[in-house]
């Protein structure tokens, strides 16, 4: 089991109604993505971080490590927005000139990249709040109640299950290779890793077929049925979500008139 799932089952918000956590994450993420000012995504990130660390009692070190994961993709994508290449001198571009080509940045591009970065981090923090406080089974239950197409939910559940199948298969293969000194030297490590990757998906495919056969033997008809724990809806939590998201929405509307 991944640590994310472990924390989802042991967090302090584990017994809060999943619909409340789902509503807070989705509504706040939508407001964050609709913001035209950096201030709103920064506030969303702070709220989600506070809810995860102080509300759900998730270790701060683990949470910030998770936030570092998308940074590589974000930085790579934002470089295409920030960098400006021009063959003609442009006073708005601040940078260097190489062989008649100006390479630099502009202030509007920097602000736009900063806004996209803040939106992305805010949206990711909302998703982390949901995944670190709500088990996957309860998220699927909420999607069922929202009348999401059954095919999409089934694909979501099966893909989630097969992730663990692949991880378990890779771990078993790695232990088997390591016990035979497959990683005793750099050359042996490269060869062992190549064999592991080439055989991993073949073995995972056979295991997935066995899992599907087991589902059919238990009456699987295209829909996974799970037991749902009934939890009372908290009026206090709903009021708190409504107040917080309303204030953020008002701030989004007001910030549209700001010059930056």
Protein backbone atom coordinates (compact mmCIF):
# COMPACT_ATOMS: atom_id res chain seq x y z
CA UNK A 1 0.00 0.00 0.00
CA UNK A 2 1.27 3.46 -0.88
CA UNK A 3 1.89 5.95 1.91
CA UNK A 4 -0.82 8.16 0.43
CA UNK A 5 -3.35 5.37 1.03
CA UNK A 6 -2.00 4.75 4.52
CA UNK A 7 -2.47 8.38 5.45
CA UNK A 8 -5.92 8.43 3.83
CA UNK A 9 -7.03 5.62 6.16
CA UNK A 10 -5.36 7.03 9.29
CA UNK A 11 -5.77 10.82 8.94
CA UNK A 12 -7.68 12.85 11.49
CA UNK A 13 -10.29 13.68 8.82
CA UNK A 14 -10.86 9.99 7.98
CA UNK A 15 -14.33 9.94 9.54
CA UNK A 16 -15.55 13.17 7.95
CA UNK A 17 -18.21 12.58 5.28
CA UNK A 18 -16.39 12.01 1.95
CA UNK A 19 -18.88 14.22 0.13
CA UNK A 20 -17.82 17.20 2.23
CA UNK A 21 -14.12 16.67 1.49
CA UNK A 22 -14.86 16.08 -2.19
CA UNK A 23 -16.95 19.26 -2.40
CA UNK A 24 -14.28 21.36 -0.70
CA UNK A 25 -11.51 20.02 -2.95
CA UNK A 26 -13.42 20.36 -6.23
CA UNK A 27 -15.00 23.76 -5.53
CA UNK A 28 -11.79 25.28 -4.22
CA UNK A 29 -9.80 23.89 -7.13
CA UNK A 30 -12.31 25.35 -9.59
CA UNK A 31 -12.06 28.78 -7.95
CA UNK A 32 -8.26 28.52 -8.03
CA UNK A 33 -8.21 27.75 -11.75
CA UNK A 34 -10.62 30.60 -12.50
CA UNK A 35 -8.51 33.21 -10.68
CA UNK A 36 -6.87 35.98 -12.65
CA UNK A 37 -4.68 37.13 -9.75
CA UNK A 38 -1.83 35.25 -8.11
CA UNK A 39 -3.21 36.08 -4.66
CA UNK A 40 -6.15 33.65 -4.89
CA UNK A 41 -4.09 30.54 -5.83
CA UNK A 42 -1.62 31.39 -3.08
CA UNK A 43 -4.48 31.54 -0.56
CA UNK A 44 -5.89 28.25 -1.88
CA UNK A 45 -2.50 26.59 -1.50
CA UNK A 46 -2.23 27.89 2.05
CA UNK A 47 -5.73 26.70 2.97
CA UNK A 48 -5.22 23.23 1.51
CA UNK A 49 -1.81 22.94 3.17
CA UNK A 50 -3.24 23.97 6.54
CA UNK A 51 -6.11 21.49 6.15
CA UNK A 52 -3.68 18.67 5.35
CA UNK A 53 -1.01 19.39 7.98
CA UNK A 54 -3.05 20.73 10.91
CA UNK A 55 -6.49 19.37 10.06
CA UNK A 56 -5.62 15.87 8.86
CA UNK A 57 -2.37 15.59 10.89
CA UNK A 58 -0.31 14.56 7.85
CA UNK A 59 3.47 14.98 8.39
CA UNK A 60 4.57 18.27 6.84
CA UNK A 61 7.78 16.75 5.47
CA UNK A 62 5.89 14.10 3.53
CA UNK A 63 3.38 16.62 2.20
CA UNK A 64 6.03 19.03 0.93
CA UNK A 65 7.86 16.14 -0.70
CA UNK A 66 4.67 15.42 -2.61
CA UNK A 67 4.47 19.06 -3.69
CA UNK A 68 7.97 18.80 -5.12
CA UNK A 69 6.92 16.02 -7.53
CA UNK A 70 5.15 18.21 -10.14
CA UNK A 71 7.79 20.95 -10.05
CA UNK A 72 9.88 19.35 -12.78
CA UNK A 73 6.93 19.23 -15.18
CA UNK A 74 5.87 22.76 -14.26
CA UNK A 75 9.31 24.31 -14.74
CA UNK A 76 9.75 22.58 -18.10
CA UNK A 77 6.37 23.75 -19.32
CA UNK A 78 6.74 27.30 -18.05
CA UNK A 79 10.07 27.79 -19.80
CA UNK A 80 8.24 27.76 -23.12
CA UNK A 81 6.04 30.61 -21.85
CA UNK A 82 8.71 32.70 -20.15
CA UNK A 83 11.44 32.60 -22.79
CA UNK A 84 11.07 34.90 -25.78
CA UNK A 85 13.15 34.47 -28.94
CA UNK A 86 13.25 37.36 -31.40
CA UNK A 87 15.35 38.09 -34.49
CA UNK A 88 14.74 41.83 -34.16
CA UNK A 89 15.74 44.05 -31.24
CA UNK A 90 12.83 44.46 -28.85
CA UNK A 91 13.09 46.89 -25.91
CA UNK A 92 10.43 44.89 -24.04
CA UNK A 93 12.62 41.79 -24.00
CA UNK A 94 15.18 41.66 -21.19
CA UNK A 95 17.94 39.20 -21.98
CA UNK A 96 20.94 38.51 -24.16
CA UNK A 97 21.76 38.78 -27.86
CA UNK A 98 23.52 35.91 -29.61
CA UNK A 99 24.42 36.27 -33.29
CA UNK A 100 21.59 38.72 -33.87
CA UNK A 101 18.99 36.66 -31.97
CA UNK A 102 17.53 38.10 -28.78
CA UNK A 103 16.85 35.55 -26.03
CA UNK A 104 15.16 36.84 -22.91
CA UNK A 105 11.95 37.41 -21.00
CA UNK A 106 9.22 40.02 -20.85
CA UNK A 107 7.41 41.23 -17.75
CA UNK A 108 3.93 40.14 -18.99
CA UNK A 109 5.31 36.67 -19.75
CA UNK A 110 6.84 36.44 -16.28
CA UNK A 111 3.55 37.40 -14.66
CA UNK A 112 1.59 34.97 -16.84
CA UNK A 113 4.02 32.16 -15.99
CA UNK A 114 3.78 33.01 -12.29
CA UNK A 115 -0.02 32.92 -12.45
CA UNK A 116 0.00 29.52 -14.19
CA UNK A 117 2.49 28.19 -11.65
CA UNK A 118 0.38 29.40 -8.72
CA UNK A 119 -2.79 27.93 -10.28
CA UNK A 120 -1.11 24.57 -10.83
CA UNK A 121 0.28 24.36 -7.29
CA UNK A 122 -3.08 25.40 -5.86
CA UNK A 123 -4.94 22.76 -7.88
CA UNK A 124 -2.41 20.08 -6.93
CA UNK A 125 -2.69 20.99 -3.25
CA UNK A 126 -6.48 20.56 -3.44
CA UNK A 127 -6.06 17.13 -5.04
CA UNK A 128 -3.52 16.18 -2.37
CA UNK A 129 -6.00 17.21 0.31
CA UNK A 130 -8.60 14.87 -1.17
CA UNK A 131 -6.23 11.94 -1.75
CA UNK A 132 -4.56 12.22 1.69
CA UNK A 133 -7.83 12.35 3.62
CA UNK A 134 -10.22 10.18 1.59
CA UNK A 135 -9.66 6.53 0.60
CA UNK A 136 -10.19 5.61 -3.03
CA UNK A 137 -13.21 3.47 -2.19
CA UNK A 138 -15.01 6.48 -0.73
CA UNK A 139 -14.09 8.70 -3.70
CA UNK A 140 -15.62 6.08 -6.01
CA UNK A 141 -18.72 6.04 -3.79
CA UNK A 142 -19.09 9.82 -4.14
CA UNK A 143 -18.73 9.55 -7.92
CA UNK A 144 -21.48 6.90 -7.96
CA UNK A 145 -23.80 9.27 -6.11
CA UNK A 146 -22.97 12.07 -8.55
CA UNK A 147 -24.12 9.79 -11.42
CA UNK A 148 -20.73 9.72 -13.11
CA UNK A 149 -20.83 7.17 -16.00
CA UNK A 150 -20.26 3.68 -14.65
CA UNK A 151 -17.69 2.87 -17.33
CA UNK A 152 -15.47 5.75 -16.23
CA UNK A 153 -15.73 4.72 -12.58
CA UNK A 154 -14.92 1.09 -13.38
CA UNK A 155 -11.87 2.08 -15.43
CA UNK A 156 -10.75 4.33 -12.60
CA UNK A 157 -11.08 1.54 -10.03
CA UNK A 158 -9.42 -1.12 -12.16
CA UNK A 159 -6.49 1.11 -13.13
CA UNK A 160 -6.03 1.98 -9.45
CA UNK A 161 -5.98 -1.73 -8.58
CA UNK A 162 -3.57 -2.63 -11.37
CA UNK A 163 -1.08 -0.02 -10.15
CA UNK A 164 -0.64 -2.17 -7.04
CA UNK A 165 -0.40 -5.31 -9.18
CA UNK A 166 2.46 -3.80 -11.20
CA UNK A 167 4.22 -2.51 -8.08
CA UNK A 168 3.95 -5.88 -6.35
CA UNK A 169 5.19 -7.73 -9.45
CA UNK A 170 8.14 -5.36 -9.86
CA UNK A 171 9.05 -5.72 -6.18
CA UNK A 172 9.00 -9.53 -6.37
CA UNK A 173 11.14 -9.53 -9.51
CA UNK A 174 13.62 -7.09 -7.98
CA UNK A 175 14.00 -9.17 -4.80
CA UNK A 176 14.54 -12.30 -6.89
CA UNK A 177 17.24 -10.58 -8.98
CA UNK A 178 18.93 -9.01 -5.96
CA UNK A 179 19.11 -12.38 -4.18
CA UNK A 180 21.11 -13.67 -7.16
CA UNK A 181 23.55 -10.71 -7.09
CA UNK A 182 21.84 -9.12 -10.07
CA UNK A 183 22.76 -5.66 -8.83
CA UNK A 184 26.27 -6.40 -7.58
CA UNK A 185 27.93 -4.14 -10.17
CA UNK A 186 26.86 -1.28 -12.46
CA UNK A 187 26.93 -3.54 -15.53
CA UNK A 188 24.90 -6.25 -13.83
CA UNK A 189 22.46 -3.62 -12.56
CA UNK A 190 21.81 -2.33 -16.08
CA UNK A 191 21.26 -5.86 -17.40
CA UNK A 192 18.98 -6.79 -14.52
CA UNK A 193 16.99 -3.60 -14.88
CA UNK A 194 16.55 -4.23 -18.61
CA UNK A 195 15.26 -7.77 -17.91
CA UNK A 196 12.97 -6.46 -15.20
CA UNK A 197 11.39 -3.82 -17.45
CA UNK A 198 11.03 -6.19 -20.41
CA UNK A 199 9.32 -8.89 -18.36
CA UNK A 200 7.34 -6.68 -16.00
CA UNK A 201 4.41 -5.89 -18.27
CA UNK A 202 4.17 -9.47 -19.55
CA UNK A 203 3.88 -10.84 -16.02
CA UNK A 204 1.56 -8.00 -15.00
CA UNK A 205 -0.66 -8.79 -17.97
CA UNK A 206 -1.00 -12.42 -16.88
CA UNK A 207 -1.74 -11.34 -13.33
CA UNK A 208 -4.39 -8.90 -14.55
CA UNK A 209 -5.98 -11.71 -16.56
CA UNK A 210 -6.05 -13.88 -13.43
CA UNK A 211 -7.61 -11.02 -11.47
CA UNK A 212 -10.29 -10.54 -14.13
CA UNK A 213 -11.03 -14.28 -14.09
CA UNK A 214 -11.38 -14.13 -10.30
CA UNK A 215 -13.84 -11.23 -10.67
CA UNK A 216 -15.91 -13.18 -13.19
CA UNK A 217 -15.95 -16.18 -10.84
CA UNK A 218 -17.44 -13.92 -8.16
CA UNK A 219 -20.25 -12.62 -10.36
CA UNK A 220 -18.65 -9.55 -11.90
CA UNK A 221 -21.06 -8.04 -14.43
CA UNK A 222 -19.20 -4.83 -15.31
CA UNK A 223 -19.71 -2.95 -12.06
CA UNK A 224 -17.63 -3.18 -8.91
CA UNK A 225 -19.82 -3.09 -5.81
CA UNK A 226 -18.22 -1.89 -2.58
CA UNK A 227 -19.50 -1.54 0.96
CA UNK A 228 -20.17 2.03 2.00
CA UNK A 229 -19.92 3.29 5.55
CA UNK A 230 -22.75 5.69 6.29
CA UNK A 231 -21.50 8.88 7.89
CA UNK A 232 -23.62 11.83 8.97
CA UNK A 233 -23.33 15.07 7.06
CA UNK A 234 -22.02 17.87 9.25
CA UNK A 235 -23.88 21.15 8.89
CA UNK A 236 -20.94 22.92 10.52
CA UNK A 237 -18.52 21.63 7.89
CA UNK A 238 -20.88 22.54 5.05
CA UNK A 239 -21.26 26.07 6.44
CA UNK A 240 -17.48 26.40 6.78
CA UNK A 241 -16.94 25.23 3.18
CA UNK A 242 -19.61 27.63 1.93
CA UNK A 243 -18.07 30.58 3.78
CA UNK A 244 -14.50 29.86 2.69
CA UNK A 245 -15.36 29.25 -0.96
CA UNK A 246 -17.70 32.25 -1.06
CA UNK A 247 -14.94 34.52 0.22
CA UNK A 248 -12.51 33.11 -2.34
CA UNK A 249 -15.09 33.58 -5.12
CA UNK A 250 -15.68 37.19 -4.11
CA UNK A 251 -11.93 37.75 -4.10
CA UNK A 252 -11.72 36.27 -7.62
CA UNK A 253 -14.41 38.65 -8.87
CA UNK A 254 -12.84 41.66 -7.17
CA UNK A 255 -9.33 40.83 -8.38
CA UNK A 256 -10.48 40.95 -12.01
CA UNK A 257 -10.50 44.74 -11.71
CA UNK A 258 -6.97 44.94 -10.40
CA UNK A 259 -4.30 46.21 -12.82
CA UNK A 260 -2.15 43.07 -12.27
